[in-house]
Structure formats: structure tokens, C-alpha cells
């Protein structure tokens, strides 16, 4: 399973989102810090779930990071988040 698939699986399980996109943007960072050959180093996540209703932005980000888990977070260089309720 790729890192992107792992991220998607973990977020699906944690938040049952009505919208979820996990986009590997690694190729756009070739030659920059953190780039890993083969990609899977820079991701953009667009997620919408009722779970986030009433949560502050920082709380939403912390919840997503916790759901992904420290082991997987340590394997990626960058994670851009767009989180909606």
C-alpha cells in the first residue's frame, strides 16, 4: 500500500468524510528539500466531514495528524491540509 493510500485509509476510518482527496504533489518539489525519489513525500489533503463541525482550525489539523499517526507522518516531508465540516 502506498503512503497516499495509507493516508486515505486512515482518514476514511477516523472521520467517515463525505469528501476526501489525497493528492501526491511530490513531483512538483523535485530538487527541493525533502523530495524523495519515487515521490510520496509531499501531499495535499482535502477533507470534509461532519466530525470537524465546531472545531477550531488548529484542532482540526491536530485531529488529522493524530489520525494519520506519528509513524506515517514521519515518513512524509510536507502535508498541506484543507479541512471543512
PDB file of N, CA and C in Angstrom:
ATOM      1  N   UNK A   1       0.848  -1.172   0.000  1.00  0.00           N
ATOM      2  CA  UNK A   1       0.000   0.000   0.000  1.00  0.00           C
ATOM      3  C   UNK A   1       0.898   1.240   0.000  1.00  0.00           C
ATOM      4  N   UNK A   2       0.594   2.202  -0.854  1.00  0.00           N
ATOM      5  CA  UNK A   2       1.389   3.426  -0.926  1.00  0.00           C
ATOM      6  C   UNK A   2       1.096   4.317   0.273  1.00  0.00           C
ATOM      7  N   UNK A   3       1.936   5.318   0.484  1.00  0.00           N
ATOM      8  CA  UNK A   3       1.700   6.268   1.579  1.00  0.00           C
ATOM      9  C   UNK A   3       0.377   6.999   1.374  1.00  0.00           C
ATOM     10  N   UNK A   4       0.111   7.390   0.144  1.00  0.00           N
ATOM     11  CA  UNK A   4      -1.144   8.071  -0.159  1.00  0.00           C
ATOM     12  C   UNK A   4      -2.348   7.207   0.177  1.00  0.00           C
ATOM     13  N   UNK A   5      -2.283   5.936  -0.157  1.00  0.00           N
ATOM     14  CA  UNK A   5      -3.369   5.006   0.160  1.00  0.00           C
ATOM     15  C   UNK A   5      -3.510   4.820   1.667  1.00  0.00           C
ATOM     16  N   UNK A   6      -2.384   4.795   2.374  1.00  0.00           N
ATOM     17  CA  UNK A   6      -2.435   4.669   3.833  1.00  0.00           C
ATOM     18  C   UNK A   6      -3.090   5.897   4.455  1.00  0.00           C
ATOM     19  N   UNK A   7      -2.726   7.088   3.977  1.00  0.00           N
ATOM     20  CA  UNK A   7      -3.320   8.326   4.485  1.00  0.00           C
ATOM     21  C   UNK A   7      -4.827   8.286   4.258  1.00  0.00           C
ATOM     22  N   UNK A   8      -5.245   7.945   3.039  1.00  0.00           N
ATOM     23  CA  UNK A   8      -6.673   7.891   2.707  1.00  0.00           C
ATOM     24  C   UNK A   8      -7.407   6.891   3.596  1.00  0.00           C
ATOM     25  N   UNK A   9      -6.840   5.722   3.780  1.00  0.00           N
ATOM     26  CA  UNK A   9      -7.462   4.686   4.594  1.00  0.00           C
ATOM     27  C   UNK A   9      -7.640   5.139   6.040  1.00  0.00           C
ATOM     28  N   UNK A  10      -6.606   5.743   6.606  1.00  0.00           N
ATOM     29  CA  UNK A  10      -6.663   6.194   7.991  1.00  0.00           C
ATOM     30  C   UNK A  10      -7.690   7.317   8.177  1.00  0.00           C
ATOM     31  N   UNK A  11      -7.749   8.247   7.226  1.00  0.00           N
ATOM     32  CA  UNK A  11      -8.697   9.353   7.337  1.00  0.00           C
ATOM     33  C   UNK A  11     -10.132   8.878   7.114  1.00  0.00           C
ATOM     34  N   UNK A  12     -10.326   7.940   6.188  1.00  0.00           N
ATOM     35  CA  UNK A  12     -11.653   7.344   5.993  1.00  0.00           C
ATOM     36  C   UNK A  12     -12.142   6.709   7.284  1.00  0.00           C
ATOM     37  N   UNK A  13     -11.286   5.932   7.914  1.00  0.00           N
ATOM     38  CA  UNK A  13     -11.659   5.223   9.140  1.00  0.00           C
ATOM     39  C   UNK A  13     -11.945   6.181  10.294  1.00  0.00           C
ATOM     40  N   UNK A  14     -11.177   7.244  10.406  1.00  0.00           N
ATOM     41  CA  UNK A  14     -11.311   8.160  11.543  1.00  0.00           C
ATOM     42  C   UNK A  14     -12.474   9.133  11.417  1.00  0.00           C
ATOM     43  N   UNK A  15     -12.762   9.588  10.187  1.00  0.00           N
ATOM     44  CA  UNK A  15     -13.698  10.695  10.030  1.00  0.00           C
ATOM     45  C   UNK A  15     -14.904  10.419   9.140  1.00  0.00           C
ATOM     46  N   UNK A  16     -14.970   9.293   8.461  1.00  0.00           N
ATOM     47  CA  UNK A  16     -16.072   8.983   7.531  1.00  0.00           C
ATOM     48  C   UNK A  16     -16.426  10.217   6.696  1.00  0.00           C
ATOM     49  N   UNK A  17     -15.451  10.773   5.986  1.00  0.00           N
ATOM     50  CA  UNK A  17     -15.680  12.035   5.268  1.00  0.00           C
ATOM     51  C   UNK A  17     -16.639  11.885   4.086  1.00  0.00           C
ATOM     52  N   UNK A  18     -17.360  12.985   3.772  1.00  0.00           N
ATOM     53  CA  UNK A  18     -18.175  12.986   2.572  1.00  0.00           C
ATOM     54  C   UNK A  18     -17.374  13.500   1.371  1.00  0.00           C
ATOM     55  N   UNK A  19     -16.184  13.990   1.637  1.00  0.00           N
ATOM     56  CA  UNK A  19     -15.235  14.338   0.569  1.00  0.00           C
ATOM     57  C   UNK A  19     -13.837  14.062   1.087  1.00  0.00           C
ATOM     58  N   UNK A  20     -13.045  13.370   0.280  1.00  0.00           N
ATOM     59  CA  UNK A  20     -11.656  13.110   0.651  1.00  0.00           C
ATOM     60  C   UNK A  20     -10.822  12.948  -0.605  1.00  0.00           C
ATOM     61  N   UNK A  21      -9.828  13.805  -0.720  1.00  0.00           N
ATOM     62  CA  UNK A  21      -8.855  13.709  -1.815  1.00  0.00           C
ATOM     63  C   UNK A  21      -7.467  13.738  -1.199  1.00  0.00           C
ATOM     64  N   UNK A  22      -6.635  12.796  -1.589  1.00  0.00           N
ATOM     65  CA  UNK A  22      -5.238  12.764  -1.160  1.00  0.00           C
ATOM     66  C   UNK A  22      -4.417  12.878  -2.433  1.00  0.00           C
ATOM     67  N   UNK A  23      -3.718  13.991  -2.572  1.00  0.00           N
ATOM     68  CA  UNK A  23      -3.003  14.310  -3.805  1.00  0.00           C
ATOM     69  C   UNK A  23      -1.504  14.295  -3.537  1.00  0.00           C
ATOM     70  N   UNK A  24      -0.786  13.499  -4.310  1.00  0.00           N
ATOM     71  CA  UNK A  24       0.672  13.442  -4.199  1.00  0.00           C
ATOM     72  C   UNK A  24       1.245  14.566  -5.064  1.00  0.00           C
ATOM     73  N   UNK A  25       1.804  15.586  -4.419  1.00  0.00           N
ATOM     74  CA  UNK A  25       2.377  16.737  -5.116  1.00  0.00           C
ATOM     75  C   UNK A  25       3.901  16.675  -5.161  1.00  0.00           C
ATOM     76  N   UNK A  26       4.452  15.516  -4.901  1.00  0.00           N
ATOM     77  CA  UNK A  26       5.899  15.355  -4.762  1.00  0.00           C
ATOM     78  C   UNK A  26       6.679  15.782  -5.997  1.00  0.00           C
ATOM     79  N   UNK A  27       6.183  15.434  -7.164  1.00  0.00           N
ATOM     80  CA  UNK A  27       6.935  15.720  -8.394  1.00  0.00           C
ATOM     81  C   UNK A  27       7.189  17.222  -8.557  1.00  0.00           C
ATOM     82  N   UNK A  28       6.289  18.045  -8.074  1.00  0.00           N
ATOM     83  CA  UNK A  28       6.461  19.495  -8.141  1.00  0.00           C
ATOM     84  C   UNK A  28       7.556  20.003  -7.219  1.00  0.00           C
ATOM     85  N   UNK A  29       8.081  19.133  -6.372  1.00  0.00           N
ATOM     86  CA  UNK A  29       9.123  19.513  -5.415  1.00  0.00           C
ATOM     87  C   UNK A  29      10.463  18.845  -5.721  1.00  0.00           C
ATOM     88  N   UNK A  30      10.577  18.244  -6.896  1.00  0.00           N
ATOM     89  CA  UNK A  30      11.828  17.596  -7.289  1.00  0.00           C
ATOM     90  C   UNK A  30      12.979  18.600  -7.172  1.00  0.00           C
ATOM     91  N   UNK A  31      14.039  18.196  -6.518  1.00  0.00           N
ATOM     92  CA  UNK A  31      15.202  19.061  -6.341  1.00  0.00           C
ATOM     93  C   UNK A  31      15.129  19.938  -5.096  1.00  0.00           C
ATOM     94  N   UNK A  32      14.001  19.923  -4.417  1.00  0.00           N
ATOM     95  CA  UNK A  32      13.850  20.724  -3.201  1.00  0.00           C
ATOM     96  C   UNK A  32      14.058  19.851  -1.968  1.00  0.00           C
ATOM     97  N   UNK A  33      14.168  20.505  -0.844  1.00  0.00           N
ATOM     98  CA  UNK A  33      14.359  19.777   0.419  1.00  0.00           C
ATOM     99  C   UNK A  33      13.217  18.801   0.657  1.00  0.00           C
ATOM    100  N   UNK A  34      13.559  17.632   1.110  1.00  0.00           N
ATOM    101  CA  UNK A  34      12.557  16.648   1.472  1.00  0.00           C
ATOM    102  C   UNK A  34      12.059  15.778   0.341  1.00  0.00           C
ATOM    103  N   UNK A  35      12.405  16.120  -0.903  1.00  0.00           N
ATOM    104  CA  UNK A  35      11.949  15.300  -2.028  1.00  0.00           C
ATOM    105  C   UNK A  35      12.572  13.916  -1.930  1.00  0.00           C
ATOM    106  N   UNK A  36      11.777  12.896  -2.179  1.00  0.00           N
ATOM    107  CA  UNK A  36      12.266  11.519  -2.169  1.00  0.00           C
ATOM    108  C   UNK A  36      12.060  10.934  -3.556  1.00  0.00           C
ATOM    109  N   UNK A  37      13.056  10.292  -4.081  1.00  0.00           N
ATOM    110  CA  UNK A  37      12.933   9.655  -5.394  1.00  0.00           C
ATOM    111  C   UNK A  37      11.749   8.701  -5.374  1.00  0.00           C
ATOM    112  N   UNK A  38      10.915   8.782  -6.386  1.00  0.00           N
ATOM    113  CA  UNK A  38       9.721   7.953  -6.439  1.00  0.00           C
ATOM    114  C   UNK A  38       8.490   8.647  -5.881  1.00  0.00           C
ATOM    115  N   UNK A  39       8.657   9.851  -5.344  1.00  0.00           N
ATOM    116  CA  UNK A  39       7.514  10.611  -4.834  1.00  0.00           C
ATOM    117  C   UNK A  39       7.099  10.199  -3.444  1.00  0.00           C
ATOM    118  N   UNK A  40       5.825  10.452  -3.149  1.00  0.00           N
ATOM    119  CA  UNK A  40       5.248  10.105  -1.853  1.00  0.00           C
ATOM    120  C   UNK A  40       5.902  10.858  -0.688  1.00  0.00           C
ATOM    121  N   UNK A  41       6.343  12.098  -0.945  1.00  0.00           N
ATOM    122  CA  UNK A  41       6.968  12.903   0.110  1.00  0.00           C
ATOM    123  C   UNK A  41       6.169  14.167   0.437  1.00  0.00           C
ATOM    124  N   UNK A  42       5.391  14.664  -0.526  1.00  0.00           N
ATOM    125  CA  UNK A  42       4.621  15.900  -0.366  1.00  0.00           C
ATOM    126  C   UNK A  42       3.162  15.621  -0.741  1.00  0.00           C
ATOM    127  N   UNK A  43       2.254  15.860   0.189  1.00  0.00           N
ATOM    128  CA  UNK A  43       0.845  15.575  -0.056  1.00  0.00           C
ATOM    129  C   UNK A  43      -0.030  16.779   0.247  1.00  0.00           C
ATOM    130  N   UNK A  44      -1.146  16.841  -0.462  1.00  0.00           N
ATOM    131  CA  UNK A  44      -2.219  17.790  -0.185  1.00  0.00           C
ATOM    132  C   UNK A  44      -3.459  16.957   0.094  1.00  0.00           C
ATOM    133  N   UNK A  45      -4.133  17.255   1.217  1.00  0.00           N
ATOM    134  CA  UNK A  45      -5.344  16.535   1.597  1.00  0.00           C
ATOM    135  C   UNK A  45      -6.502  17.523   1.660  1.00  0.00           C
ATOM    136  N   UNK A  46      -7.566  17.193   0.945  1.00  0.00           N
ATOM    137  CA  UNK A  46      -8.815  17.936   1.003  1.00  0.00           C
ATOM    138  C   UNK A  46      -9.818  17.006   1.668  1.00  0.00           C
ATOM    139  N   UNK A  47     -10.330  17.388   2.819  1.00  0.00           N
ATOM    140  CA  UNK A  47     -11.241  16.521   3.560  1.00  0.00           C
ATOM    141  C   UNK A  47     -12.408  17.337   4.102  1.00  0.00           C
ATOM    142  N   UNK A  48     -13.608  16.762   4.003  1.00  0.00           N
ATOM    143  CA  UNK A  48     -14.811  17.376   4.550  1.00  0.00           C
ATOM    144  C   UNK A  48     -15.567  16.305   5.323  1.00  0.00           C
ATOM    145  N   UNK A  49     -15.841  16.600   6.587  1.00  0.00           N
ATOM    146  CA  UNK A  49     -16.530  15.647   7.450  1.00  0.00           C
ATOM    147  C   UNK A  49     -17.286  16.410   8.531  1.00  0.00           C
ATOM    148  N   UNK A  50     -18.439  15.894   8.893  1.00  0.00           N
ATOM    149  CA  UNK A  50     -19.214  16.488   9.982  1.00  0.00           C
ATOM    150  C   UNK A  50     -18.432  16.444  11.300  1.00  0.00           C
ATOM    151  N   UNK A  51     -17.471  15.558  11.373  1.00  0.00           N
ATOM    152  CA  UNK A  51     -16.642  15.430  12.578  1.00  0.00           C
ATOM    153  C   UNK A  51     -15.963  16.756  12.946  1.00  0.00           C
ATOM    154  N   UNK A  52     -15.675  17.583  11.956  1.00  0.00           N
ATOM    155  CA  UNK A  52     -14.930  18.823  12.185  1.00  0.00           C
ATOM    156  C   UNK A  52     -15.809  20.018  12.557  1.00  0.00           C
ATOM    157  N   UNK A  53     -17.136  19.837  12.562  1.00  0.00           N
ATOM    158  CA  UNK A  53     -18.050  20.943  12.884  1.00  0.00           C
ATOM    159  C   UNK A  53     -17.741  21.482  14.278  1.00  0.00           C
ATOM    160  N   UNK A  54     -17.629  22.784  14.383  1.00  0.00           N
ATOM    161  CA  UNK A  54     -17.398  23.434  15.668  1.00  0.00           C
ATOM    162  C   UNK A  54     -15.964  23.399  16.156  1.00  0.00           C
ATOM    163  N   UNK A  55     -15.073  22.790  15.401  1.00  0.00           N
ATOM    164  CA  UNK A  55     -13.668  22.709  15.812  1.00  0.00           C
ATOM    165  C   UNK A  55     -12.879  23.890  15.250  1.00  0.00           C
ATOM    166  N   UNK A  56     -11.968  24.410  16.036  1.00  0.00           N
ATOM    167  CA  UNK A  56     -11.058  25.453  15.566  1.00  0.00           C
ATOM    168  C   UNK A  56     -10.081  24.850  14.548  1.00  0.00           C
ATOM    169  N   UNK A  57      -9.506  25.698  13.750  1.00  0.00           N
ATOM    170  CA  UNK A  57      -8.587  25.239  12.703  1.00  0.00           C
ATOM    171  C   UNK A  57      -7.458  24.373  13.266  1.00  0.00           C
ATOM    172  N   UNK A  58      -6.833  24.803  14.330  1.00  0.00           N
ATOM    173  CA  UNK A  58      -5.709  24.053  14.901  1.00  0.00           C
ATOM    174  C   UNK A  58      -6.175  22.700  15.424  1.00  0.00           C
ATOM    175  N   UNK A  59      -7.366  22.645  15.986  1.00  0.00           N
ATOM    176  CA  UNK A  59      -7.907  21.373  16.478  1.00  0.00           C
ATOM    177  C   UNK A  59      -8.170  20.416  15.317  1.00  0.00           C
ATOM    178  N   UNK A  60      -8.645  20.943  14.202  1.00  0.00           N
ATOM    179  CA  UNK A  60      -8.861  20.120  13.009  1.00  0.00           C
ATOM    180  C   UNK A  60      -7.543  19.533  12.514  1.00  0.00           C
ATOM    181  N   UNK A  61      -6.527  20.374  12.447  1.00  0.00           N
ATOM    182  CA  UNK A  61      -5.217  19.914  11.977  1.00  0.00           C
ATOM    183  C   UNK A  61      -4.651  18.856  12.923  1.00  0.00           C
ATOM    184  N   UNK A  62      -4.770  19.096  14.205  1.00  0.00           N
ATOM    185  CA  UNK A  62      -4.265  18.122  15.183  1.00  0.00           C
ATOM    186  C   UNK A  62      -4.999  16.791  15.059  1.00  0.00           C
ATOM    187  N   UNK A  63      -6.307  16.839  14.822  1.00  0.00           N
ATOM    188  CA  UNK A  63      -7.095  15.616  14.677  1.00  0.00           C
ATOM    189  C   UNK A  63      -6.649  14.825  13.445  1.00  0.00           C
ATOM    190  N   UNK A  64      -6.391  15.520  12.346  1.00  0.00           N
ATOM    191  CA  UNK A  64      -5.934  14.843  11.122  1.00  0.00           C
ATOM    192  C   UNK A  64      -4.551  14.241  11.342  1.00  0.00           C
ATOM    193  N   UNK A  65      -3.655  14.990  11.939  1.00  0.00           N
ATOM    194  CA  UNK A  65      -2.308  14.470  12.212  1.00  0.00           C
ATOM    195  C   UNK A  65      -2.376  13.243  13.120  1.00  0.00           C
ATOM    196  N   UNK A  66      -3.224  13.293  14.140  1.00  0.00           N
ATOM    197  CA  UNK A  66      -3.363  12.161  15.061  1.00  0.00           C
ATOM    198  C   UNK A  66      -3.915  10.936  14.332  1.00  0.00           C
ATOM    199  N   UNK A  67      -4.883  11.148  13.450  1.00  0.00           N
ATOM    200  CA  UNK A  67      -5.474  10.027  12.713  1.00  0.00           C
ATOM    201  C   UNK A  67      -4.454   9.385  11.778  1.00  0.00           C
ATOM    202  N   UNK A  68      -3.622  10.204  11.159  1.00  0.00           N
ATOM    203  CA  UNK A  68      -2.592   9.668  10.263  1.00  0.00           C
ATOM    204  C   UNK A  68      -1.549   8.898  11.075  1.00  0.00           C
ATOM    205  N   UNK A  69      -1.239   9.401  12.247  1.00  0.00           N
ATOM    206  CA  UNK A  69      -0.317   8.708  13.143  1.00  0.00           C
ATOM    207  C   UNK A  69       1.123   9.161  12.991  1.00  0.00           C
ATOM    208  N   UNK A  70       1.874   9.116  14.089  1.00  0.00           N
ATOM    209  CA  UNK A  70       3.254   9.624  14.074  1.00  0.00           C
ATOM    210  C   UNK A  70       4.188   8.849  13.153  1.00  0.00           C
ATOM    211  N   UNK A  71       3.973   7.555  12.997  1.00  0.00           N
ATOM    212  CA  UNK A  71       4.873   6.761  12.142  1.00  0.00           C
ATOM    213  C   UNK A  71       4.771   7.195  10.684  1.00  0.00           C
ATOM    214  N   UNK A  72       3.528   7.322  10.191  1.00  0.00           N
ATOM    215  CA  UNK A  72       3.331   7.734   8.804  1.00  0.00           C
ATOM    216  C   UNK A  72       3.693   9.202   8.612  1.00  0.00           C
ATOM    217  N   UNK A  73       3.374  10.049   9.591  1.00  0.00           N
ATOM    218  CA  UNK A  73       3.752  11.461   9.494  1.00  0.00           C
ATOM    219  C   UNK A  73       5.265  11.608   9.370  1.00  0.00           C
ATOM    220  N   UNK A  74       6.020  10.748  10.039  1.00  0.00           N
ATOM    221  CA  UNK A  74       7.480  10.810   9.988  1.00  0.00           C
ATOM    222  C   UNK A  74       8.026  10.414   8.623  1.00  0.00           C
ATOM    223  N   UNK A  75       7.240   9.713   7.825  1.00  0.00           N
ATOM    224  CA  UNK A  75       7.694   9.259   6.501  1.00  0.00           C
ATOM    225  C   UNK A  75       7.487  10.293   5.405  1.00  0.00           C
ATOM    226  N   UNK A  76       6.676  11.321   5.674  1.00  0.00           N
ATOM    227  CA  UNK A  76       6.416  12.329   4.650  1.00  0.00           C
ATOM    228  C   UNK A  76       7.055  13.654   5.044  1.00  0.00           C
ATOM    229  N   UNK A  77       7.370  14.453   4.036  1.00  0.00           N
ATOM    230  CA  UNK A  77       8.045  15.719   4.298  1.00  0.00           C
ATOM    231  C   UNK A  77       7.056  16.872   4.495  1.00  0.00           C
ATOM    232  N   UNK A  78       5.972  16.883   3.705  1.00  0.00           N
ATOM    233  CA  UNK A  78       5.041  18.010   3.765  1.00  0.00           C
ATOM    234  C   UNK A  78       3.611  17.514   3.611  1.00  0.00           C
ATOM    235  N   UNK A  79       2.715  18.140   4.375  1.00  0.00           N
ATOM    236  CA  UNK A  79       1.300  17.801   4.328  1.00  0.00           C
ATOM    237  C   UNK A  79       0.503  19.091   4.382  1.00  0.00           C
ATOM    238  N   UNK A  80      -0.120  19.454   3.253  1.00  0.00           N
ATOM    239  CA  UNK A  80      -0.983  20.634   3.193  1.00  0.00           C
ATOM    240  C   UNK A  80      -2.410  20.165   3.411  1.00  0.00           C
ATOM    241  N   UNK A  81      -3.144  20.863   4.286  1.00  0.00           N
ATOM    242  CA  UNK A  81      -4.492  20.437   4.642  1.00  0.00           C
ATOM    243  C   UNK A  81      -5.532  21.498   4.330  1.00  0.00           C
ATOM    244  N   UNK A  82      -6.629  21.051   3.714  1.00  0.00           N
ATOM    245  CA  UNK A  82      -7.825  21.866   3.569  1.00  0.00           C
ATOM    246  C   UNK A  82      -8.929  21.066   4.224  1.00  0.00           C
ATOM    247  N   UNK A  83      -9.431  21.546   5.356  1.00  0.00           N
ATOM    248  CA  UNK A  83     -10.371  20.783   6.174  1.00  0.00           C
ATOM    249  C   UNK A  83     -11.665  21.569   6.320  1.00  0.00           C
ATOM    250  N   UNK A  84     -12.772  20.897   6.014  1.00  0.00           N
ATOM    251  CA  UNK A  84     -14.095  21.529   6.110  1.00  0.00           C
ATOM    252  C   UNK A  84     -15.041  20.630   6.880  1.00  0.00           C
ATOM    253  N   UNK A  85     -16.062  21.229   7.472  1.00  0.00           N
ATOM    254  CA  UNK A  85     -17.083  20.448   8.186  1.00  0.00           C
ATOM    255  C   UNK A  85     -18.144  19.977   7.203  1.00  0.00           C
TER     256      UNK A  85
END
